[in-house]
């Protein structure tokens, strides 16, 4: 695991670390206090990933598709 602030992580990096957190918790070989810290980090990573997915979904939904199945237009996305 890294100590990188979750807010600075890409979706892929956050998912990879979340997988590691889940694996450690599932094995149950972590002390109670460490388990609590892992769980908190995992919850933060999960929320970050969900937010990134929601943002990506909203961007995709802004693309208008024409009758031929090709993008007809796209609304500008704020922040890009």
PDB file of N, CA and C in Angstrom:
ATOM      1  N   UNK A   1       0.840  -1.194   0.000  1.00  0.00           N
ATOM      2  CA  UNK A   1       0.000   0.000   0.000  1.00  0.00           C
ATOM      3  C   UNK A   1       0.870   1.238   0.000  1.00  0.00           C
ATOM      4  N   UNK A   2       0.279   2.294  -0.515  1.00  0.00           N
ATOM      5  CA  UNK A   2       1.006   3.553  -0.565  1.00  0.00           C
ATOM      6  C   UNK A   2       0.400   4.527   0.433  1.00  0.00           C
ATOM      7  N   UNK A   3       1.126   5.564   0.673  1.00  0.00           N
ATOM      8  CA  UNK A   3       0.614   6.632   1.523  1.00  0.00           C
ATOM      9  C   UNK A   3       0.191   7.822   0.665  1.00  0.00           C
ATOM     10  N   UNK A   4       0.060   7.591  -0.630  1.00  0.00           N
ATOM     11  CA  UNK A   4      -0.387   8.632  -1.544  1.00  0.00           C
ATOM     12  C   UNK A   4      -1.787   9.075  -1.140  1.00  0.00           C
ATOM     13  N   UNK A   5      -2.015  10.383  -1.070  1.00  0.00           N
ATOM     14  CA  UNK A   5      -3.374  10.841  -0.770  1.00  0.00           C
ATOM     15  C   UNK A   5      -4.350  10.294  -1.825  1.00  0.00           C
ATOM     16  N   UNK A   6      -5.450   9.758  -1.370  1.00  0.00           N
ATOM     17  CA  UNK A   6      -6.421   9.139  -2.267  1.00  0.00           C
ATOM     18  C   UNK A   6      -6.903  10.131  -3.312  1.00  0.00           C
ATOM     19  N   UNK A   7      -7.066  11.373  -2.939  1.00  0.00           N
ATOM     20  CA  UNK A   7      -7.573  12.383  -3.880  1.00  0.00           C
ATOM     21  C   UNK A   7      -6.645  12.599  -5.071  1.00  0.00           C
ATOM     22  N   UNK A   8      -5.379  12.200  -4.940  1.00  0.00           N
ATOM     23  CA  UNK A   8      -4.411  12.373  -6.023  1.00  0.00           C
ATOM     24  C   UNK A   8      -4.259  11.115  -6.884  1.00  0.00           C
ATOM     25  N   UNK A   9      -4.965  10.056  -6.524  1.00  0.00           N
ATOM     26  CA  UNK A   9      -4.808   8.782  -7.221  1.00  0.00           C
ATOM     27  C   UNK A   9      -5.706   8.682  -8.441  1.00  0.00           C
ATOM     28  N   UNK A  10      -5.199   7.988  -9.457  1.00  0.00           N
ATOM     29  CA  UNK A  10      -6.038   7.675 -10.612  1.00  0.00           C
ATOM     30  C   UNK A  10      -7.016   6.575 -10.200  1.00  0.00           C
ATOM     31  N   UNK A  11      -8.019   6.374 -11.023  1.00  0.00           N
ATOM     32  CA  UNK A  11      -8.986   5.309 -10.758  1.00  0.00           C
ATOM     33  C   UNK A  11      -8.277   3.960 -10.670  1.00  0.00           C
ATOM     34  N   UNK A  12      -7.389   3.715 -11.620  1.00  0.00           N
ATOM     35  CA  UNK A  12      -6.697   2.425 -11.683  1.00  0.00           C
ATOM     36  C   UNK A  12      -5.817   2.188 -10.454  1.00  0.00           C
ATOM     37  N   UNK A  13      -5.099   3.216 -10.026  1.00  0.00           N
ATOM     38  CA  UNK A  13      -4.238   3.085  -8.847  1.00  0.00           C
ATOM     39  C   UNK A  13      -5.077   2.849  -7.592  1.00  0.00           C
ATOM     40  N   UNK A  14      -6.185   3.560  -7.481  1.00  0.00           N
ATOM     41  CA  UNK A  14      -7.059   3.406  -6.321  1.00  0.00           C
ATOM     42  C   UNK A  14      -7.674   2.007  -6.289  1.00  0.00           C
ATOM     43  N   UNK A  15      -8.090   1.491  -7.448  1.00  0.00           N
ATOM     44  CA  UNK A  15      -8.659   0.146  -7.501  1.00  0.00           C
ATOM     45  C   UNK A  15      -7.620  -0.906  -7.131  1.00  0.00           C
ATOM     46  N   UNK A  16      -6.397  -0.737  -7.610  1.00  0.00           N
ATOM     47  CA  UNK A  16      -5.333  -1.692  -7.299  1.00  0.00           C
ATOM     48  C   UNK A  16      -5.066  -1.720  -5.796  1.00  0.00           C
ATOM     49  N   UNK A  17      -5.007  -0.551  -5.192  1.00  0.00           N
ATOM     50  CA  UNK A  17      -4.772  -0.511  -3.748  1.00  0.00           C
ATOM     51  C   UNK A  17      -5.966  -1.061  -2.984  1.00  0.00           C
ATOM     52  N   UNK A  18      -7.172  -0.768  -3.453  1.00  0.00           N
ATOM     53  CA  UNK A  18      -8.372  -1.300  -2.805  1.00  0.00           C
ATOM     54  C   UNK A  18      -8.357  -2.829  -2.846  1.00  0.00           C
ATOM     55  N   UNK A  19      -7.931  -3.399  -3.957  1.00  0.00           N
ATOM     56  CA  UNK A  19      -7.797  -4.861  -4.046  1.00  0.00           C
ATOM     57  C   UNK A  19      -6.828  -5.389  -2.996  1.00  0.00           C
ATOM     58  N   UNK A  20      -5.727  -4.682  -2.796  1.00  0.00           N
ATOM     59  CA  UNK A  20      -4.750  -5.094  -1.789  1.00  0.00           C
ATOM     60  C   UNK A  20      -5.334  -5.022  -0.381  1.00  0.00           C
ATOM     61  N   UNK A  21      -6.075  -3.964  -0.121  1.00  0.00           N
ATOM     62  CA  UNK A  21      -6.700  -3.787   1.192  1.00  0.00           C
ATOM     63  C   UNK A  21      -7.674  -4.929   1.462  1.00  0.00           C
ATOM     64  N   UNK A  22      -8.510  -5.219   0.487  1.00  0.00           N
ATOM     65  CA  UNK A  22      -9.497  -6.285   0.652  1.00  0.00           C
ATOM     66  C   UNK A  22      -8.803  -7.624   0.901  1.00  0.00           C
ATOM     67  N   UNK A  23      -7.760  -7.911   0.143  1.00  0.00           N
ATOM     68  CA  UNK A  23      -7.030  -9.173   0.309  1.00  0.00           C
ATOM     69  C   UNK A  23      -6.450  -9.291   1.719  1.00  0.00           C
ATOM     70  N   UNK A  24      -5.859  -8.220   2.221  1.00  0.00           N
ATOM     71  CA  UNK A  24      -5.283  -8.250   3.569  1.00  0.00           C
ATOM     72  C   UNK A  24      -6.358  -8.463   4.626  1.00  0.00           C
ATOM     73  N   UNK A  25      -7.498  -7.789   4.463  1.00  0.00           N
ATOM     74  CA  UNK A  25      -8.577  -7.937   5.433  1.00  0.00           C
ATOM     75  C   UNK A  25      -9.188  -9.335   5.366  1.00  0.00           C
ATOM     76  N   UNK A  26      -9.301  -9.892   4.174  1.00  0.00           N
ATOM     77  CA  UNK A  26      -9.873 -11.228   4.027  1.00  0.00           C
ATOM     78  C   UNK A  26      -9.001 -12.304   4.665  1.00  0.00           C
ATOM     79  N   UNK A  27      -7.693 -12.120   4.594  1.00  0.00           N
ATOM     80  CA  UNK A  27      -6.793 -13.107   5.174  1.00  0.00           C
ATOM     81  C   UNK A  27      -6.804 -13.065   6.704  1.00  0.00           C
ATOM     82  N   UNK A  28      -7.204 -11.951   7.280  1.00  0.00           N
ATOM     83  CA  UNK A  28      -7.350 -11.843   8.721  1.00  0.00           C
ATOM     84  C   UNK A  28      -6.059 -11.942   9.504  1.00  0.00           C
ATOM     85  N   UNK A  29      -4.942 -11.699   8.882  1.00  0.00           N
ATOM     86  CA  UNK A  29      -3.651 -11.795   9.561  1.00  0.00           C
ATOM     87  C   UNK A  29      -3.120 -10.429   9.988  1.00  0.00           C
ATOM     88  N   UNK A  30      -4.017  -9.483  10.134  1.00  0.00           N
ATOM     89  CA  UNK A  30      -3.633  -8.119  10.494  1.00  0.00           C
ATOM     90  C   UNK A  30      -4.173  -7.835  11.890  1.00  0.00           C
ATOM     91  N   UNK A  31      -3.382  -7.158  12.696  1.00  0.00           N
ATOM     92  CA  UNK A  31      -3.809  -6.787  14.047  1.00  0.00           C
ATOM     93  C   UNK A  31      -5.059  -5.906  13.987  1.00  0.00           C
ATOM     94  N   UNK A  32      -5.817  -5.912  15.041  1.00  0.00           N
ATOM     95  CA  UNK A  32      -7.084  -5.179  15.089  1.00  0.00           C
ATOM     96  C   UNK A  32      -6.929  -3.718  14.711  1.00  0.00           C
ATOM     97  N   UNK A  33      -6.003  -3.018  15.329  1.00  0.00           N
ATOM     98  CA  UNK A  33      -5.815  -1.587  15.036  1.00  0.00           C
ATOM     99  C   UNK A  33      -5.448  -1.370  13.564  1.00  0.00           C
ATOM    100  N   UNK A  34      -4.593  -2.241  13.033  1.00  0.00           N
ATOM    101  CA  UNK A  34      -4.216  -2.133  11.625  1.00  0.00           C
ATOM    102  C   UNK A  34      -5.407  -2.449  10.718  1.00  0.00           C
ATOM    103  N   UNK A  35      -6.240  -3.387  11.153  1.00  0.00           N
ATOM    104  CA  UNK A  35      -7.437  -3.724  10.380  1.00  0.00           C
ATOM    105  C   UNK A  35      -8.374  -2.527  10.285  1.00  0.00           C
ATOM    106  N   UNK A  36      -8.499  -1.807  11.384  1.00  0.00           N
ATOM    107  CA  UNK A  36      -9.361  -0.619  11.393  1.00  0.00           C
ATOM    108  C   UNK A  36      -8.822   0.427  10.427  1.00  0.00           C
ATOM    109  N   UNK A  37      -7.513   0.647  10.471  1.00  0.00           N
ATOM    110  CA  UNK A  37      -6.898   1.612   9.557  1.00  0.00           C
ATOM    111  C   UNK A  37      -7.059   1.171   8.102  1.00  0.00           C
ATOM    112  N   UNK A  38      -6.877  -0.122   7.849  1.00  0.00           N
ATOM    113  CA  UNK A  38      -7.055  -0.642   6.497  1.00  0.00           C
ATOM    114  C   UNK A  38      -8.498  -0.451   6.028  1.00  0.00           C
ATOM    115  N   UNK A  39      -9.439  -0.746   6.909  1.00  0.00           N
ATOM    116  CA  UNK A  39     -10.847  -0.590   6.565  1.00  0.00           C
ATOM    117  C   UNK A  39     -11.163   0.864   6.228  1.00  0.00           C
ATOM    118  N   UNK A  40     -10.651   1.794   7.019  1.00  0.00           N
ATOM    119  CA  UNK A  40     -10.885   3.219   6.763  1.00  0.00           C
ATOM    120  C   UNK A  40     -10.281   3.630   5.422  1.00  0.00           C
ATOM    121  N   UNK A  41      -9.062   3.164   5.149  1.00  0.00           N
ATOM    122  CA  UNK A  41      -8.410   3.475   3.859  1.00  0.00           C
ATOM    123  C   UNK A  41      -9.228   2.868   2.726  1.00  0.00           C
ATOM    124  N   UNK A  42      -9.695   1.651   2.915  1.00  0.00           N
ATOM    125  CA  UNK A  42     -10.508   0.993   1.892  1.00  0.00           C
ATOM    126  C   UNK A  42     -11.797   1.750   1.616  1.00  0.00           C
ATOM    127  N   UNK A  43     -12.438   2.239   2.663  1.00  0.00           N
ATOM    128  CA  UNK A  43     -13.680   3.003   2.487  1.00  0.00           C
ATOM    129  C   UNK A  43     -13.413   4.290   1.709  1.00  0.00           C
ATOM    130  N   UNK A  44     -12.294   4.927   1.995  1.00  0.00           N
ATOM    131  CA  UNK A  44     -11.926   6.154   1.280  1.00  0.00           C
ATOM    132  C   UNK A  44     -11.617   5.847  -0.184  1.00  0.00           C
ATOM    133  N   UNK A  45     -10.893   4.762  -0.421  1.00  0.00           N
ATOM    134  CA  UNK A  45     -10.578   4.357  -1.799  1.00  0.00           C
ATOM    135  C   UNK A  45     -11.850   4.022  -2.572  1.00  0.00           C
ATOM    136  N   UNK A  46     -12.768   3.310  -1.940  1.00  0.00           N
ATOM    137  CA  UNK A  46     -14.032   2.942  -2.588  1.00  0.00           C
ATOM    138  C   UNK A  46     -14.821   4.188  -2.986  1.00  0.00           C
ATOM    139  N   UNK A  47     -14.917   5.137  -2.075  1.00  0.00           N
ATOM    140  CA  UNK A  47     -15.652   6.374  -2.365  1.00  0.00           C
ATOM    141  C   UNK A  47     -14.989   7.133  -3.518  1.00  0.00           C
ATOM    142  N   UNK A  48     -13.667   7.146  -3.533  1.00  0.00           N
ATOM    143  CA  UNK A  48     -12.926   7.828  -4.599  1.00  0.00           C
ATOM    144  C   UNK A  48     -13.204   7.164  -5.952  1.00  0.00           C
ATOM    145  N   UNK A  49     -13.173   5.842  -5.980  1.00  0.00           N
ATOM    146  CA  UNK A  49     -13.435   5.109  -7.222  1.00  0.00           C
ATOM    147  C   UNK A  49     -14.866   5.349  -7.701  1.00  0.00           C
ATOM    148  N   UNK A  50     -15.808   5.337  -6.780  1.00  0.00           N
ATOM    149  CA  UNK A  50     -17.207   5.593  -7.152  1.00  0.00           C
ATOM    150  C   UNK A  50     -17.374   6.989  -7.733  1.00  0.00           C
ATOM    151  N   UNK A  51     -16.707   7.969  -7.152  1.00  0.00           N
ATOM    152  CA  UNK A  51     -16.786   9.339  -7.661  1.00  0.00           C
ATOM    153  C   UNK A  51     -16.177   9.443  -9.055  1.00  0.00           C
ATOM    154  N   UNK A  52     -15.041   8.764  -9.264  1.00  0.00           N
ATOM    155  CA  UNK A  52     -14.400   8.780 -10.584  1.00  0.00           C
ATOM    156  C   UNK A  52     -15.308   8.129 -11.626  1.00  0.00           C
ATOM    157  N   UNK A  53     -15.954   7.018 -11.269  1.00  0.00           N
ATOM    158  CA  UNK A  53     -16.870   6.353 -12.194  1.00  0.00           C
ATOM    159  C   UNK A  53     -18.082   7.220 -12.511  1.00  0.00           C
ATOM    160  N   UNK A  54     -18.618   7.876 -11.495  1.00  0.00           N
ATOM    161  CA  UNK A  54     -19.768   8.760 -11.706  1.00  0.00           C
ATOM    162  C   UNK A  54     -19.398   9.902 -12.649  1.00  0.00           C
ATOM    163  N   UNK A  55     -18.224  10.472 -12.440  1.00  0.00           N
ATOM    164  CA  UNK A  55     -17.754  11.559 -13.293  1.00  0.00           C
ATOM    165  C   UNK A  55     -17.607  11.086 -14.738  1.00  0.00           C
ATOM    166  N   UNK A  56     -17.026   9.910 -14.920  1.00  0.00           N
ATOM    167  CA  UNK A  56     -16.844   9.366 -16.266  1.00  0.00           C
ATOM    168  C   UNK A  56     -18.190   9.089 -16.919  1.00  0.00           C
ATOM    169  N   UNK A  57     -19.134   8.567 -16.169  1.00  0.00           N
ATOM    170  CA  UNK A  57     -20.471   8.288 -16.694  1.00  0.00           C
ATOM    171  C   UNK A  57     -21.153   9.571 -17.154  1.00  0.00           C
ATOM    172  N   UNK A  58     -21.035  10.615 -16.359  1.00  0.00           N
ATOM    173  CA  UNK A  58     -21.653  11.893 -16.716  1.00  0.00           C
ATOM    174  C   UNK A  58     -21.036  12.458 -17.990  1.00  0.00           C
ATOM    175  N   UNK A  59     -19.731  12.299 -18.157  1.00  0.00           N
ATOM    176  CA  UNK A  59     -19.072  12.776 -19.377  1.00  0.00           C
ATOM    177  C   UNK A  59     -19.557  12.007 -20.594  1.00  0.00           C
ATOM    178  N   UNK A  60     -19.701  10.699 -20.459  1.00  0.00           N
ATOM    179  CA  UNK A  60     -20.163   9.877 -21.575  1.00  0.00           C
ATOM    180  C   UNK A  60     -21.599  10.224 -21.923  1.00  0.00           C
ATOM    181  N   UNK A  61     -22.422  10.474 -20.927  1.00  0.00           N
ATOM    182  CA  UNK A  61     -23.825  10.791 -21.169  1.00  0.00           C
ATOM    183  C   UNK A  61     -24.009  12.110 -21.898  1.00  0.00           C
ATOM    184  N   UNK A  62     -23.014  12.970 -21.873  1.00  0.00           N
ATOM    185  CA  UNK A  62     -23.111  14.252 -22.565  1.00  0.00           C
ATOM    186  C   UNK A  62     -22.889  14.125 -24.066  1.00  0.00           C
ATOM    187  N   UNK A  63     -22.431  12.977 -24.501  1.00  0.00           N
ATOM    188  CA  UNK A  63     -22.192  12.767 -25.928  1.00  0.00           C
ATOM    189  C   UNK A  63     -23.513  12.396 -26.588  1.00  0.00           C
ATOM    190  N   UNK A  64     -23.893  13.140 -27.621  1.00  0.00           N
ATOM    191  CA  UNK A  64     -25.107  12.852 -28.378  1.00  0.00           C
ATOM    192  C   UNK A  64     -24.759  11.941 -29.541  1.00  0.00           C
ATOM    193  N   UNK A  65     -25.567  10.904 -29.739  1.00  0.00           N
ATOM    194  CA  UNK A  65     -25.328   9.965 -30.819  1.00  0.00           C
ATOM    195  C   UNK A  65     -26.361  10.197 -31.906  1.00  0.00           C
ATOM    196  N   UNK A  66     -25.891  10.256 -33.165  1.00  0.00           N
ATOM    197  CA  UNK A  66     -26.775  10.449 -34.305  1.00  0.00           C
ATOM    198  C   UNK A  66     -27.445   9.151 -34.705  1.00  0.00           C
ATOM    199  N   UNK A  67     -28.335   9.212 -35.701  1.00  0.00           N
ATOM    200  CA  UNK A  67     -29.066   8.027 -36.149  1.00  0.00           C
ATOM    201  C   UNK A  67     -28.154   6.972 -36.762  1.00  0.00           C
ATOM    202  N   UNK A  68     -26.965   7.390 -37.221  1.00  0.00           N
ATOM    203  CA  UNK A  68     -26.016   6.440 -37.800  1.00  0.00           C
ATOM    204  C   UNK A  68     -25.152   5.773 -36.724  1.00  0.00           C
ATOM    205  N   UNK A  69     -25.390   6.097 -35.459  1.00  0.00           N
ATOM    206  CA  UNK A  69     -24.644   5.483 -34.376  1.00  0.00           C
ATOM    207  C   UNK A  69     -23.339   6.180 -34.053  1.00  0.00           C
ATOM    208  N   UNK A  70     -23.000   7.223 -34.792  1.00  0.00           N
ATOM    209  CA  UNK A  70     -21.754   7.949 -34.547  1.00  0.00           C
ATOM    210  C   UNK A  70     -22.052   9.173 -33.693  1.00  0.00           C
ATOM    211  N   UNK A  71     -21.076   9.614 -32.922  1.00  0.00           N
ATOM    212  CA  UNK A  71     -21.290  10.819 -32.119  1.00  0.00           C
ATOM    213  C   UNK A  71     -21.636  12.006 -33.018  1.00  0.00           C
ATOM    214  N   UNK A  72     -22.782  12.614 -32.764  1.00  0.00           N
ATOM    215  CA  UNK A  72     -23.220  13.759 -33.557  1.00  0.00           C
ATOM    216  C   UNK A  72     -22.692  15.055 -32.959  1.00  0.00           C
ATOM    217  N   UNK A  73     -22.644  15.092 -31.659  1.00  0.00           N
ATOM    218  CA  UNK A  73     -22.127  16.272 -30.984  1.00  0.00           C
ATOM    219  C   UNK A  73     -21.788  15.904 -29.551  1.00  0.00           C
ATOM    220  N   UNK A  74     -20.998  16.730 -28.978  1.00  0.00           N
ATOM    221  CA  UNK A  74     -20.658  16.540 -27.569  1.00  0.00           C
ATOM    222  C   UNK A  74     -20.688  17.893 -26.897  1.00  0.00           C
ATOM    223  N   UNK A  75     -21.268  17.912 -25.738  1.00  0.00           N
ATOM    224  CA  UNK A  75     -21.293  19.148 -24.986  1.00  0.00           C
ATOM    225  C   UNK A  75     -19.943  19.318 -24.316  1.00  0.00           C
ATOM    226  N   UNK A  76     -19.452  20.533 -24.247  1.00  0.00           N
ATOM    227  CA  UNK A  76     -18.179  20.752 -23.559  1.00  0.00           C
ATOM    228  C   UNK A  76     -18.271  20.291 -22.106  1.00  0.00           C
ATOM    229  N   UNK A  77     -17.230  19.684 -21.639  1.00  0.00           N
ATOM    230  CA  UNK A  77     -17.181  19.233 -20.259  1.00  0.00           C
ATOM    231  C   UNK A  77     -16.394  20.252 -19.456  1.00  0.00           C
ATOM    232  N   UNK A  78     -17.008  20.713 -18.391  1.00  0.00           N
ATOM    233  CA  UNK A  78     -16.357  21.700 -17.550  1.00  0.00           C
ATOM    234  C   UNK A  78     -15.115  21.100 -16.902  1.00  0.00           C
ATOM    235  N   UNK A  79     -14.077  21.881 -16.796  1.00  0.00           N
ATOM    236  CA  UNK A  79     -12.873  21.446 -16.118  1.00  0.00           C
ATOM    237  C   UNK A  79     -11.849  20.765 -17.014  1.00  0.00           C
ATOM    238  N   UNK A  80     -12.139  20.650 -18.288  1.00  0.00           N
ATOM    239  CA  UNK A  80     -11.157  20.033 -19.196  1.00  0.00           C
ATOM    240  C   UNK A  80     -10.479  21.075 -20.037  1.00  0.00           C
TER     241      UNK A  80
END
